[in-house]
N, C-alpha and C. Protein backbone atom coordinates (compact mmCIF):
# COMPACT_ATOMS: atom_id res chain seq x y z
N UNK A 1 94.43 107.76 100.53
CA UNK A 1 95.07 108.16 101.75
C UNK A 1 96.37 107.54 101.26
N UNK A 2 97.38 108.02 101.21
CA UNK A 2 98.75 107.36 100.79
C UNK A 2 99.59 106.82 102.13
N UNK A 3 100.18 105.85 102.17
CA UNK A 3 100.55 105.16 103.43
C UNK A 3 102.18 106.27 103.50
N UNK A 4 102.63 106.57 102.40
CA UNK A 4 103.93 107.14 102.48
C UNK A 4 103.77 108.67 103.37
N UNK A 5 102.51 109.01 102.99
CA UNK A 5 102.21 110.42 103.50
C UNK A 5 101.94 110.33 105.04
N UNK A 6 100.90 109.42 105.14
CA UNK A 6 100.47 109.10 106.50
C UNK A 6 101.61 108.64 107.36
N UNK A 7 102.69 107.47 106.73
CA UNK A 7 103.64 107.55 107.66
C UNK A 7 105.03 107.83 107.50
N UNK A 8 104.79 109.27 107.21
CA UNK A 8 105.93 110.25 107.11
C UNK A 8 106.69 110.34 108.43
N UNK A 9 107.52 110.91 108.78
CA UNK A 9 108.01 111.49 109.78
C UNK A 9 107.56 112.72 110.11
N UNK A 10 106.98 113.20 109.00
CA UNK A 10 106.43 114.92 109.01
C UNK A 10 104.68 114.69 109.63
N UNK A 11 104.52 113.73 110.19
CA UNK A 11 102.87 113.63 110.50
C UNK A 11 102.70 114.95 111.43
N UNK A 12 101.55 115.24 111.03
CA UNK A 12 101.27 116.79 111.31
C UNK A 12 100.64 116.88 112.83
N UNK A 13 99.98 115.89 113.12
CA UNK A 13 99.39 115.90 114.41
C UNK A 13 99.32 114.57 115.27
N UNK A 14 99.02 114.53 116.44
CA UNK A 14 99.12 113.65 117.28
C UNK A 14 98.63 112.15 116.73
N UNK A 15 97.49 112.11 116.25
CA UNK A 15 96.55 111.14 115.69
C UNK A 15 97.74 110.25 114.54
N UNK A 16 98.24 111.34 113.84
CA UNK A 16 98.95 110.94 112.73
C UNK A 16 100.15 110.07 112.97
N UNK A 17 100.86 110.76 114.46
CA UNK A 17 101.94 110.13 114.96
C UNK A 17 101.58 108.99 115.66
N UNK A 18 100.52 108.73 116.32
CA UNK A 18 99.88 107.40 116.76
C UNK A 18 99.68 106.30 115.71
N UNK A 19 99.34 106.60 114.50
CA UNK A 19 99.17 105.85 113.39
C UNK A 19 100.59 105.09 113.20
N UNK A 20 101.50 105.99 112.78
CA UNK A 20 102.82 105.63 112.49
C UNK A 20 103.39 104.77 113.51
N UNK A 21 103.33 105.02 114.83
CA UNK A 21 103.73 104.32 116.06
C UNK A 21 102.80 102.87 115.87
N UNK A 22 101.99 102.88 115.63
CA UNK A 22 100.75 101.78 115.72
C UNK A 22 101.59 100.64 114.37
N UNK A 23 101.73 101.43 113.29
CA UNK A 23 102.14 100.89 112.22
C UNK A 23 103.68 100.09 112.57
N UNK A 24 104.31 100.91 113.04
CA UNK A 24 105.73 100.52 113.39
C UNK A 24 105.85 99.43 113.87
N UNK A 25 104.89 99.23 115.14
CA UNK A 25 104.92 98.30 116.29
C UNK A 25 104.12 97.00 116.12
N UNK A 26 103.00 97.14 115.00
CA UNK A 26 102.15 96.11 115.08
C UNK A 26 102.29 95.41 113.49
N UNK A 27 102.65 96.13 112.44
CA UNK A 27 102.47 95.95 111.18
C UNK A 27 103.35 94.71 110.55
N UNK A 28 104.58 94.40 111.31
CA UNK A 28 105.35 93.12 111.01
C UNK A 28 104.67 91.89 111.40
N UNK A 29 104.22 91.84 112.64
CA UNK A 29 103.72 90.57 113.32
C UNK A 29 102.38 90.50 112.66
N UNK A 30 101.79 91.48 112.29
CA UNK A 30 100.37 91.12 111.73
C UNK A 30 100.40 90.66 110.46
N UNK A 31 101.49 91.29 109.52
CA UNK A 31 101.74 90.70 108.33
C UNK A 31 102.07 89.18 107.97
N UNK A 32 102.91 89.11 109.17
CA UNK A 32 103.40 87.62 109.19
C UNK A 32 101.99 86.73 109.27
N UNK A 33 101.39 87.18 110.46
CA UNK A 33 100.02 86.43 110.69
C UNK A 33 99.10 86.17 109.69
N UNK A 34 99.04 87.28 108.83
CA UNK A 34 98.09 87.38 107.63
C UNK A 34 98.60 86.42 106.78
N UNK A 35 100.06 86.51 106.12
CA UNK A 35 100.60 85.82 105.25
C UNK A 35 100.11 84.28 105.38
N UNK A 36 100.48 83.93 106.65
CA UNK A 36 100.01 82.29 106.89
C UNK A 36 98.61 82.25 106.92
N UNK A 37 97.89 82.93 107.27
CA UNK A 37 96.51 82.73 107.20
C UNK A 37 96.25 82.69 105.43
N UNK A 38 96.66 83.43 104.80
CA UNK A 38 96.34 83.27 103.23
C UNK A 38 97.29 82.47 102.44
N UNK A 39 98.17 81.50 103.17
CA UNK A 39 98.63 80.52 102.42
C UNK A 39 99.80 81.22 101.86
N UNK A 40 100.64 82.20 102.12
CA UNK A 40 101.79 82.71 101.39
C UNK A 40 101.53 83.88 100.53
N UNK A 41 100.29 84.35 100.38
CA UNK A 41 99.81 85.16 99.29
C UNK A 41 100.12 86.49 100.12
N UNK A 42 101.35 87.08 99.48
CA UNK A 42 101.82 88.53 100.31
C UNK A 42 101.04 89.50 100.01
N UNK A 43 100.35 89.64 98.61
CA UNK A 43 99.88 90.81 98.01
C UNK A 43 98.50 91.29 98.77
N UNK A 44 98.05 89.94 98.98
CA UNK A 44 96.44 90.05 99.69
C UNK A 44 96.70 90.31 100.97
N UNK A 45 97.83 89.65 101.76
CA UNK A 45 98.01 89.98 103.18
C UNK A 45 98.21 91.72 103.25
N UNK A 46 99.18 92.07 102.18
CA UNK A 46 99.54 93.56 102.27
C UNK A 46 97.99 94.51 102.42
N UNK A 47 97.06 93.84 101.57
CA UNK A 47 95.77 94.79 101.48
C UNK A 47 95.08 94.61 102.73
N UNK A 48 95.30 93.21 103.42
CA UNK A 48 94.61 93.14 104.65
C UNK A 48 94.94 93.89 105.75
N UNK A 49 96.43 93.80 105.99
CA UNK A 49 96.99 94.59 106.87
C UNK A 49 96.78 96.09 106.87
N UNK A 50 96.78 96.62 105.63
CA UNK A 50 96.79 97.95 105.68
C UNK A 50 95.01 98.43 105.89
N UNK A 51 94.04 97.44 105.62
CA UNK A 51 92.89 97.62 105.78
C UNK A 51 92.58 97.48 107.40
N UNK A 52 93.19 96.58 108.08
CA UNK A 52 93.16 96.50 109.47
C UNK A 52 93.58 97.65 110.13
N UNK A 53 94.88 98.19 109.97
CA UNK A 53 95.48 99.17 110.36
C UNK A 53 94.51 100.58 110.28
N UNK A 54 94.12 100.75 109.06
CA UNK A 54 93.06 101.72 108.67
C UNK A 54 91.92 101.68 109.69
N UNK A 55 91.12 100.45 109.85
CA UNK A 55 90.25 100.29 110.66
C UNK A 55 90.63 100.77 111.87
N UNK A 56 91.60 100.26 112.49
CA UNK A 56 92.30 100.53 114.00
C UNK A 56 92.18 102.06 113.96
N UNK A 57 92.69 102.81 113.07
CA UNK A 57 93.10 104.11 113.16
C UNK A 57 91.76 104.78 113.43
N UNK A 58 90.61 104.37 112.46
CA UNK A 58 89.52 105.01 112.34
C UNK A 58 88.25 104.91 113.68
N UNK A 59 88.61 103.56 114.33
CA UNK A 59 87.74 103.19 115.35
C UNK A 59 88.38 103.10 116.92
N UNK A 60 89.45 103.06 116.67
CA UNK A 60 90.16 102.93 118.17
C UNK A 60 90.54 103.83 118.81
N UNK A 61 90.72 104.14 120.49
CA UNK A 61 91.41 105.20 120.77
C UNK A 61 92.70 104.78 120.99
N UNK A 62 93.79 105.44 120.23
CA UNK A 62 95.29 104.61 120.30
C UNK A 62 95.68 105.30 121.79
N UNK A 63 95.42 106.39 122.05
CA UNK A 63 95.87 106.90 123.37
C UNK A 63 95.70 105.98 124.77
N UNK A 64 94.62 105.03 125.06
CA UNK A 64 94.20 104.49 125.83
C UNK A 64 95.36 103.77 126.68
N UNK A 65 96.27 103.13 125.92
CA UNK A 65 97.24 102.26 126.33
C UNK A 65 96.98 100.80 126.71
N UNK A 66 95.80 100.34 126.25
CA UNK A 66 95.39 98.75 126.32
C UNK A 66 95.88 98.10 125.18
N UNK A 67 96.53 96.68 125.45
CA UNK A 67 96.75 95.93 124.21
C UNK A 67 95.88 96.18 123.05
N UNK A 68 96.51 96.57 121.83
CA UNK A 68 95.82 96.60 120.58
C UNK A 68 95.88 95.50 119.78
N UNK A 69 96.88 94.65 120.20
CA UNK A 69 97.34 93.46 119.31
C UNK A 69 96.17 92.38 119.08
N UNK A 70 95.38 92.00 120.28
CA UNK A 70 94.72 91.12 119.71
C UNK A 70 93.48 91.56 118.96
N UNK A 71 93.00 92.90 119.40
CA UNK A 71 92.10 93.34 118.28
C UNK A 71 92.19 93.31 116.89
N UNK A 72 93.64 93.62 116.63
CA UNK A 72 94.14 93.73 115.32
C UNK A 72 93.85 92.50 114.65
N UNK A 73 94.95 91.65 115.56
CA UNK A 73 94.59 89.89 114.78
C UNK A 73 93.08 89.69 114.50
N UNK A 74 92.05 89.84 115.55
CA UNK A 74 91.07 89.40 115.10
C UNK A 74 90.19 90.14 113.93
N UNK A 75 90.76 91.39 113.65
CA UNK A 75 89.94 91.98 112.83
C UNK A 75 90.55 91.56 111.53
N UNK A 76 92.07 91.06 111.39
CA UNK A 76 92.66 90.69 110.23
C UNK A 76 92.06 89.54 109.66
N UNK A 77 91.94 88.66 110.89
CA UNK A 77 91.34 87.12 110.74
C UNK A 77 89.78 87.26 109.72
N UNK A 78 88.97 88.29 110.72
CA UNK A 78 87.63 88.43 110.03
C UNK A 78 87.74 88.97 108.57
N UNK A 79 88.74 89.68 108.41
CA UNK A 79 88.67 90.33 106.84
C UNK A 79 89.25 89.01 105.99
N UNK A 80 90.22 88.31 106.36
CA UNK A 80 90.28 87.21 105.59
C UNK A 80 89.06 86.04 105.32
N UNK A 81 88.42 85.83 106.47
CA UNK A 81 87.29 85.15 106.52
C UNK A 81 86.19 85.74 105.46
N UNK A 82 86.00 86.96 105.59
CA UNK A 82 85.09 87.70 104.92
C UNK A 82 85.27 87.58 103.36
N UNK A 83 86.69 87.64 102.81
CA UNK A 83 87.15 87.56 101.85
C UNK A 83 86.99 86.44 101.27
N UNK A 84 86.99 85.38 102.04
CA UNK A 84 86.76 83.91 101.73
C UNK A 84 85.73 83.63 101.25
N UNK A 85 84.65 84.14 102.06
CA UNK A 85 83.11 83.81 102.09
C UNK A 85 82.62 84.59 100.67
N UNK A 86 83.33 85.94 100.57
CA UNK A 86 82.73 86.48 99.30
C UNK A 86 83.47 85.75 98.05
N UNK A 87 84.54 85.26 97.85
CA UNK A 87 85.00 84.55 96.68
C UNK A 87 84.04 83.06 96.72
N UNK A 88 83.74 82.53 97.70
CA UNK A 88 83.13 81.34 97.40
C UNK A 88 81.56 81.92 97.19
N UNK A 89 81.00 82.81 97.41
CA UNK A 89 79.77 83.45 96.78
C UNK A 89 79.36 83.65 95.37
N UNK A 90 80.71 84.00 94.90
CA UNK A 90 80.85 84.10 93.27
C UNK A 90 80.70 83.07 92.54
N UNK A 91 80.19 83.09 91.41
CA UNK A 91 80.17 81.89 90.51
C UNK A 91 81.38 81.74 90.52
N UNK A 92 81.68 80.07 90.24
CA UNK A 92 82.84 79.52 89.69
C UNK A 92 83.47 79.90 88.39
N UNK A 93 84.72 80.43 88.27
CA UNK A 93 85.10 80.79 87.05
C UNK A 93 85.44 79.70 86.23
N UNK A 94 85.41 79.99 84.86
CA UNK A 94 85.87 78.77 83.97
C UNK A 94 87.19 79.18 83.52
N UNK A 95 87.92 77.96 83.70
CA UNK A 95 89.22 77.94 83.07
C UNK A 95 89.95 76.74 83.55
N UNK A 96 91.34 76.72 82.59
CA UNK A 96 91.99 75.38 82.84
C UNK A 96 92.44 75.21 84.50
N UNK A 97 92.63 76.28 84.88
CA UNK A 97 93.32 75.81 86.28
C UNK A 97 92.16 76.48 87.31
N UNK A 98 90.88 76.43 87.31
CA UNK A 98 90.05 76.79 88.22
C UNK A 98 89.79 75.70 89.36
N UNK A 99 90.38 74.40 89.07
CA UNK A 99 90.54 73.55 90.48
C UNK A 99 91.52 73.75 91.05
N UNK A 100 92.81 74.43 90.61
CA UNK A 100 93.77 74.69 91.29
C UNK A 100 93.44 75.90 92.61
N UNK A 101 92.85 76.95 91.77
CA UNK A 101 92.21 78.09 92.69
C UNK A 101 91.50 77.47 93.86
N UNK A 102 90.54 76.62 93.50
CA UNK A 102 89.37 75.85 94.45
C UNK A 102 90.26 75.20 95.50
N UNK A 103 91.35 74.46 95.26
CA UNK A 103 92.29 74.11 96.26
C UNK A 103 93.07 74.89 97.03
N UNK A 104 93.42 76.08 96.47
CA UNK A 104 94.03 76.80 97.39
C UNK A 104 93.24 77.58 98.44
N UNK A 105 91.83 78.08 97.97
CA UNK A 105 91.08 78.56 98.69
C UNK A 105 90.33 77.62 99.87
N UNK A 106 90.30 76.42 99.59
CA UNK A 106 89.85 75.53 100.61
C UNK A 106 91.06 75.15 101.67
N UNK A 107 92.29 75.52 101.41
CA UNK A 107 93.19 75.40 102.43
C UNK A 107 93.16 76.16 103.85
N UNK A 108 92.36 77.44 103.64
CA UNK A 108 92.64 78.47 104.88
C UNK A 108 92.03 77.55 105.82
N UNK A 109 91.36 76.65 105.95
CA UNK A 109 91.22 75.99 107.36
C UNK A 109 92.20 75.31 107.92
N UNK A 110 92.96 74.70 106.78
CA UNK A 110 94.10 74.26 107.18
C UNK A 110 95.23 75.27 107.59
N UNK A 111 95.24 76.26 106.94
CA UNK A 111 96.45 77.40 107.71
C UNK A 111 95.94 77.96 108.85
N UNK A 112 94.71 78.11 109.12
CA UNK A 112 94.10 78.51 110.33
C UNK A 112 94.75 77.47 111.51
N UNK A 113 94.38 76.14 111.21
CA UNK A 113 94.99 75.10 112.10
C UNK A 113 96.31 75.14 112.34
N UNK A 114 97.13 75.18 111.14
CA UNK A 114 98.78 75.30 111.02
C UNK A 114 99.15 76.42 112.06
N UNK A 115 98.74 77.54 111.68
CA UNK A 115 98.94 78.86 112.61
C UNK A 115 98.60 78.80 114.27
N UNK A 116 97.42 77.86 114.28
CA UNK A 116 97.43 77.56 115.97
C UNK A 116 97.94 76.54 116.41
N UNK A 117 98.33 75.84 115.67
CA UNK A 117 99.66 74.48 116.22
C UNK A 117 100.85 75.05 116.21
N UNK A 118 101.14 76.09 115.29
CA UNK A 118 102.59 76.66 115.61
C UNK A 118 102.68 77.63 116.80
N UNK A 119 101.28 78.45 117.05
CA UNK A 119 101.50 79.23 118.19
C UNK A 119 101.43 78.47 119.52
N UNK A 120 100.58 77.42 119.60
CA UNK A 120 100.50 76.56 120.76
C UNK A 120 102.12 75.95 121.06
N UNK A 121 102.87 75.54 120.00
CA UNK A 121 104.06 74.99 120.28
C UNK A 121 104.89 76.01 120.66
N UNK A 122 104.95 77.11 119.93
CA UNK A 122 105.66 78.12 120.59
C UNK A 122 105.32 78.66 122.12
N UNK A 123 104.17 78.83 122.16
CA UNK A 123 103.83 79.24 123.70
C UNK A 123 104.27 78.07 124.61
N UNK A 124 104.02 76.69 124.30
CA UNK A 124 104.54 75.78 125.17
C UNK A 124 105.95 75.89 125.54
N UNK A 125 106.91 76.55 124.65
CA UNK A 125 108.43 76.66 124.76
C UNK A 125 108.61 77.80 125.61
N UNK A 126 107.89 78.54 126.10
CA UNK A 126 108.13 79.53 127.07
C UNK A 126 108.09 79.19 128.62
N UNK A 127 108.88 80.13 129.27
CA UNK A 127 108.88 79.35 130.55
C UNK A 127 107.40 79.90 131.49
N UNK A 128 107.33 79.05 132.48
CA UNK A 128 105.76 79.45 133.20
C UNK A 128 105.46 80.75 133.45
N UNK A 129 106.40 81.37 133.88
CA UNK A 129 106.21 82.99 134.06
C UNK A 129 105.94 83.60 132.74
N UNK A 130 106.88 83.58 131.83
CA UNK A 130 106.19 83.98 130.67
C UNK A 130 104.94 83.64 129.96
N UNK A 131 104.43 82.48 130.43
CA UNK A 131 103.11 81.99 129.76
C UNK A 131 102.34 82.47 130.58
N UNK A 132 102.35 82.62 132.15
CA UNK A 132 101.35 83.49 132.76
C UNK A 132 101.15 84.84 132.27
N UNK A 133 102.30 85.59 132.32
CA UNK A 133 101.81 87.13 132.13
C UNK A 133 101.35 87.34 130.64
N UNK A 134 101.77 86.53 129.57
CA UNK A 134 101.14 86.54 128.48
C UNK A 134 99.54 86.55 128.52
N UNK A 135 99.16 85.34 129.29
CA UNK A 135 97.99 84.61 129.40
C UNK A 135 97.09 85.91 129.94
N UNK A 136 97.51 86.50 131.15
CA UNK A 136 96.92 87.69 131.75
C UNK A 136 96.94 88.92 130.88
N UNK A 137 98.00 89.10 130.16
CA UNK A 137 97.73 90.46 129.41
C UNK A 137 97.30 90.40 128.08
N UNK A 138 97.59 89.48 127.33
CA UNK A 138 97.08 89.60 125.98
C UNK A 138 95.87 88.44 125.83
N UNK A 139 95.48 87.53 126.18
CA UNK A 139 94.50 86.55 126.51
C UNK A 139 93.41 87.06 127.10
N UNK A 140 93.74 87.65 128.15
CA UNK A 140 92.81 87.81 129.41
C UNK A 140 92.41 89.43 129.09
N UNK A 141 93.34 90.23 128.57
CA UNK A 141 93.03 91.55 128.27
C UNK A 141 93.15 92.73 129.27
N UNK A 142 93.96 92.07 130.23
CA UNK A 142 94.09 93.06 131.41
C UNK A 142 95.46 94.02 131.54
N UNK A 143 95.36 95.03 131.99
CA UNK A 143 96.38 95.89 132.03
C UNK A 143 97.64 95.41 132.70
N UNK A 144 98.86 96.07 132.78
CA UNK A 144 99.81 95.84 133.11
C UNK A 144 99.72 95.60 134.78
N UNK A 145 99.05 96.76 135.03
CA UNK A 145 98.73 97.00 136.68
C UNK A 145 97.77 95.54 137.32
N UNK A 146 96.58 95.37 136.62
CA UNK A 146 95.49 94.34 136.59
C UNK A 146 96.47 93.16 136.85
N UNK A 147 97.15 92.77 135.87
CA UNK A 147 98.01 91.64 135.67
C UNK A 147 98.98 91.43 136.96
N UNK A 148 99.46 92.59 137.42
CA UNK A 148 100.29 92.54 138.53
C UNK A 148 99.82 92.01 139.77
N UNK A 149 98.58 92.78 139.86
CA UNK A 149 98.06 92.45 140.95
C UNK A 149 97.48 91.18 141.11
N UNK A 150 96.92 90.68 139.95
CA UNK A 150 96.53 89.10 139.85
C UNK A 150 97.62 88.17 140.29
N UNK A 151 98.64 88.49 139.53
CA UNK A 151 99.77 87.39 139.62
C UNK A 151 100.58 87.53 141.22
N UNK A 152 100.46 88.93 141.72
CA UNK A 152 100.95 89.04 142.86
C UNK A 152 102.43 89.58 142.78
N UNK A 153 102.61 90.25 141.70
CA UNK A 153 104.14 90.69 141.47
C UNK A 153 104.16 92.19 140.95
N UNK A 154 105.25 92.84 141.05
CA UNK A 154 105.04 94.41 140.61
C UNK A 154 104.84 94.52 139.29
N UNK A 155 104.18 95.65 138.95
CA UNK A 155 103.91 96.10 137.53
C UNK A 155 105.21 96.04 136.56
N UNK A 156 106.35 96.45 137.11
CA UNK A 156 107.71 96.49 136.50
C UNK A 156 108.11 94.90 135.94
N UNK A 157 107.86 94.29 137.12
CA UNK A 157 108.33 92.80 136.65
C UNK A 157 107.15 92.07 135.52
N UNK A 158 105.88 92.58 135.59
CA UNK A 158 104.95 91.97 134.42
C UNK A 158 105.54 92.86 133.18
N UNK A 159 105.88 93.95 133.09
CA UNK A 159 106.10 94.62 131.82
C UNK A 159 107.50 93.78 131.42
N UNK A 160 108.09 93.67 132.18
CA UNK A 160 109.82 93.02 131.61
C UNK A 160 109.36 91.54 131.36
N UNK A 161 108.65 90.80 131.86
CA UNK A 161 108.33 89.68 131.51
C UNK A 161 107.78 89.63 130.30
N UNK A 162 106.81 90.18 129.86
CA UNK A 162 105.85 90.55 128.73
C UNK A 162 107.02 90.53 127.76
N UNK A 163 107.79 91.76 127.72
CA UNK A 163 108.80 92.07 127.01
C UNK A 163 109.66 90.63 126.29
N UNK A 164 110.24 90.09 127.49
CA UNK A 164 110.95 88.72 127.36
C UNK A 164 110.17 88.03 126.40
N UNK A 165 108.95 87.73 127.14
CA UNK A 165 107.94 86.36 126.30
C UNK A 165 107.69 86.91 125.26
N UNK A 166 107.22 87.89 124.79
CA UNK A 166 106.99 88.27 123.37
C UNK A 166 108.43 88.08 122.51
N UNK A 167 109.32 88.52 122.93
CA UNK A 167 110.85 88.26 122.29
C UNK A 167 111.00 86.77 121.84
N UNK A 168 110.72 86.02 122.91
CA UNK A 168 110.75 84.28 122.88
C UNK A 168 109.80 83.72 122.11
N UNK A 169 108.77 84.36 122.11
CA UNK A 169 107.40 83.88 121.36
C UNK A 169 107.89 83.93 119.70
N UNK A 170 108.60 85.27 119.41
CA UNK A 170 108.74 85.72 118.12
C UNK A 170 110.00 84.90 117.44
N UNK A 171 110.97 84.59 118.41
CA UNK A 171 112.00 83.67 118.17
C UNK A 171 111.53 82.31 117.80
N UNK A 172 110.56 81.70 118.65
CA UNK A 172 110.13 80.35 118.67
C UNK A 172 109.04 80.30 117.31
N UNK A 173 108.85 81.41 116.85
CA UNK A 173 107.60 81.41 115.76
C UNK A 173 108.25 81.93 114.17
N UNK A 174 109.83 82.63 114.42
CA UNK A 174 110.40 83.12 113.46
C UNK A 174 109.61 84.17 112.98
N UNK A 175 109.29 85.05 113.75
CA UNK A 175 108.22 85.95 113.07
C UNK A 175 109.34 87.25 112.46
N UNK A 176 110.27 87.31 112.84
CA UNK A 176 111.04 88.58 112.44
C UNK A 176 111.46 88.57 110.93
N UNK A 177 111.40 87.97 110.30
CA UNK A 177 111.90 87.66 108.91
C UNK A 177 112.21 86.58 108.28
N UNK A 178 111.80 86.49 107.02
CA UNK A 178 112.00 85.15 106.22
C UNK A 178 113.50 84.87 106.26
N UNK A 179 114.47 86.02 106.48
CA UNK A 179 115.75 85.55 105.83
C UNK A 179 116.57 85.07 107.24
N UNK A 180 115.71 85.10 108.61
CA UNK A 180 116.25 84.59 109.75
C UNK A 180 116.86 85.94 110.57
N UNK A 181 117.23 87.06 110.12
CA UNK A 181 117.93 88.09 110.64
C UNK A 181 117.04 88.81 111.64
N UNK A 182 117.47 88.86 113.04
CA UNK A 182 116.60 89.58 113.97
C UNK A 182 116.40 91.12 113.36
N UNK A 183 115.31 91.51 113.73
CA UNK A 183 114.85 92.75 113.00
C UNK A 183 114.23 92.79 111.67
N UNK A 184 114.60 91.73 110.84
CA UNK A 184 114.53 92.14 109.19
C UNK A 184 112.93 92.54 109.33
N UNK A 185 112.73 92.98 108.31
CA UNK A 185 111.23 93.33 107.85
C UNK A 185 111.24 92.96 106.44
N UNK A 186 110.02 92.76 106.37
CA UNK A 186 109.37 92.45 104.63
C UNK A 186 109.69 93.93 104.05
N UNK A 187 109.93 93.79 102.56
CA UNK A 187 110.27 95.11 101.88
C UNK A 187 109.09 96.13 102.05
N UNK A 188 107.94 95.72 102.06
CA UNK A 188 106.79 96.61 101.88
C UNK A 188 106.49 97.41 103.44
N UNK A 189 107.27 97.02 104.45
CA UNK A 189 107.58 97.92 105.60
C UNK A 189 108.51 98.80 105.79
N UNK A 190 109.24 98.62 104.95
CA UNK A 190 110.41 99.83 104.64
C UNK A 190 110.06 101.16 104.48
């Protein structure tokens, strides 16, 4: 299955168009997250992102309208962990730089901790209104309407606050791109 065919604007059916939309909306943030988990290994991160999006396409109903990002991040994290465990179960390779490979693979826990700290710091920079809508929608998994009822505000206000909160969180975490330009994408997303 080729991503250029699947992601082309000539997608034949609604399911393929939904995949393209999913890819456009989620792949950039997911790639940045996975690169951090893998300690900067962009090639492995591309594989994890593609496998995650493929699993989403195969198993999730993309038309439901519920937040898919928490599921995507959890699946990507699990794929990274599974790969780490698989590499740890294999016999140690003999070579002059085997100690370096071992050191890099052990840093996954540190990367997870650093990612958590980075997210926590960025989250604390948000206004209380932004934090509460992100908590209700992403963390608690509530729909916009459910969050609006719970917070006692109109659904449109929840949508607006979520939009602005995600933008502020991306800026705080510098997720847009390594070159610092808003909207920049890694080369593999083009």
